[in-house]
């Protein structure tokens, strides 16, 4: 089952195996993908100790307003997909 949250522009997926952190992480990843498409990015990079980065015209640019990502955060985000 999925729910689209138009105010946030994300789709949140619910399944019986996903816990609350996985659902939140998946929503964050969906939002990152929306931002990447809007900005014309070819890649999304998750690097420990840095905010999420977008490759735009060959340059890595931080996502505005994003916090730095921890090792646990990167793992949670990646495994939420």
Protein backbone atom coordinates (compact mmCIF):
# COMPACT_ATOMS: atom_id res chain seq x y z
CA UNK A 1 0.00 0.00 0.00
CA UNK A 2 1.27 3.50 -0.74
CA UNK A 3 0.10 6.96 0.23
CA UNK A 4 0.97 10.12 -1.70
CA UNK A 5 1.55 13.16 0.51
CA UNK A 6 1.03 16.09 -1.87
CA UNK A 7 2.07 18.75 0.64
CA UNK A 8 5.47 17.10 0.92
CA UNK A 9 5.63 15.71 -2.60
CA UNK A 10 6.53 12.21 -1.46
CA UNK A 11 5.08 8.75 -1.62
CA UNK A 12 5.26 6.78 1.62
CA UNK A 13 5.11 3.01 1.28
CA UNK A 14 3.66 0.86 4.01
CA UNK A 15 4.18 -2.85 4.29
CA UNK A 16 3.87 -5.29 7.16
CA UNK A 17 7.68 -5.75 7.39
CA UNK A 18 8.62 -2.06 7.54
CA UNK A 19 9.05 -0.33 10.86
CA UNK A 20 8.56 3.40 11.50
CA UNK A 21 12.22 4.27 10.81
CA UNK A 22 12.16 2.42 7.49
CA UNK A 23 9.01 4.26 6.46
CA UNK A 24 10.57 7.61 7.38
CA UNK A 25 13.81 6.75 5.56
CA UNK A 26 11.88 5.72 2.45
CA UNK A 27 10.00 9.02 2.52
CA UNK A 28 13.31 10.88 2.78
CA UNK A 29 14.69 8.96 -0.20
CA UNK A 30 11.55 9.67 -2.23
CA UNK A 31 11.93 13.38 -1.42
CA UNK A 32 15.61 13.29 -2.43
CA UNK A 33 14.64 11.71 -5.76
CA UNK A 34 11.97 14.38 -6.34
CA UNK A 35 14.52 17.13 -5.63
CA UNK A 36 17.06 15.41 -7.91
CA UNK A 37 14.59 15.32 -10.81
CA UNK A 38 13.50 18.92 -10.24
CA UNK A 39 17.13 20.09 -10.27
CA UNK A 40 18.12 17.97 -13.27
CA UNK A 41 20.57 15.80 -11.31
CA UNK A 42 21.95 12.61 -12.78
CA UNK A 43 22.98 11.07 -9.42
CA UNK A 44 22.22 11.18 -5.71
CA UNK A 45 25.26 10.58 -3.48
CA UNK A 46 25.04 9.63 0.19
CA UNK A 47 28.38 10.17 1.93
CA UNK A 48 28.97 9.75 5.65
CA UNK A 49 29.63 13.11 7.29
CA UNK A 50 28.16 15.18 4.44
CA UNK A 51 24.66 16.22 3.45
CA UNK A 52 23.13 14.35 0.50
CA UNK A 53 24.82 15.44 -2.72
CA UNK A 54 23.38 15.80 -6.23
CA UNK A 55 25.47 15.53 -9.39
CA UNK A 56 24.33 18.42 -11.56
CA UNK A 57 26.21 19.12 -14.81
CA UNK A 58 29.11 17.03 -13.50
CA UNK A 59 29.42 18.91 -10.19
CA UNK A 60 28.49 17.55 -6.77
CA UNK A 61 26.16 19.99 -5.04
CA UNK A 62 24.76 19.60 -1.50
CA UNK A 63 21.00 19.50 -1.09
CA UNK A 64 20.02 22.85 0.44
CA UNK A 65 18.93 22.60 4.07
CA UNK A 66 19.84 18.91 4.38
CA UNK A 67 21.68 17.66 7.46
CA UNK A 68 24.87 15.64 7.36
CA UNK A 69 24.33 11.90 7.14
CA UNK A 70 25.73 9.40 9.67
CA UNK A 71 26.88 5.88 8.79
CA UNK A 72 23.69 4.53 10.35
CA UNK A 73 21.66 7.09 8.40
CA UNK A 74 23.18 6.06 5.08
CA UNK A 75 22.45 2.42 5.84
CA UNK A 76 18.85 3.19 6.86
CA UNK A 77 18.27 5.29 3.71
CA UNK A 78 19.76 2.77 1.30
CA UNK A 79 18.08 -0.29 2.83
CA UNK A 80 14.70 1.48 2.85
CA UNK A 81 14.47 1.11 -0.92
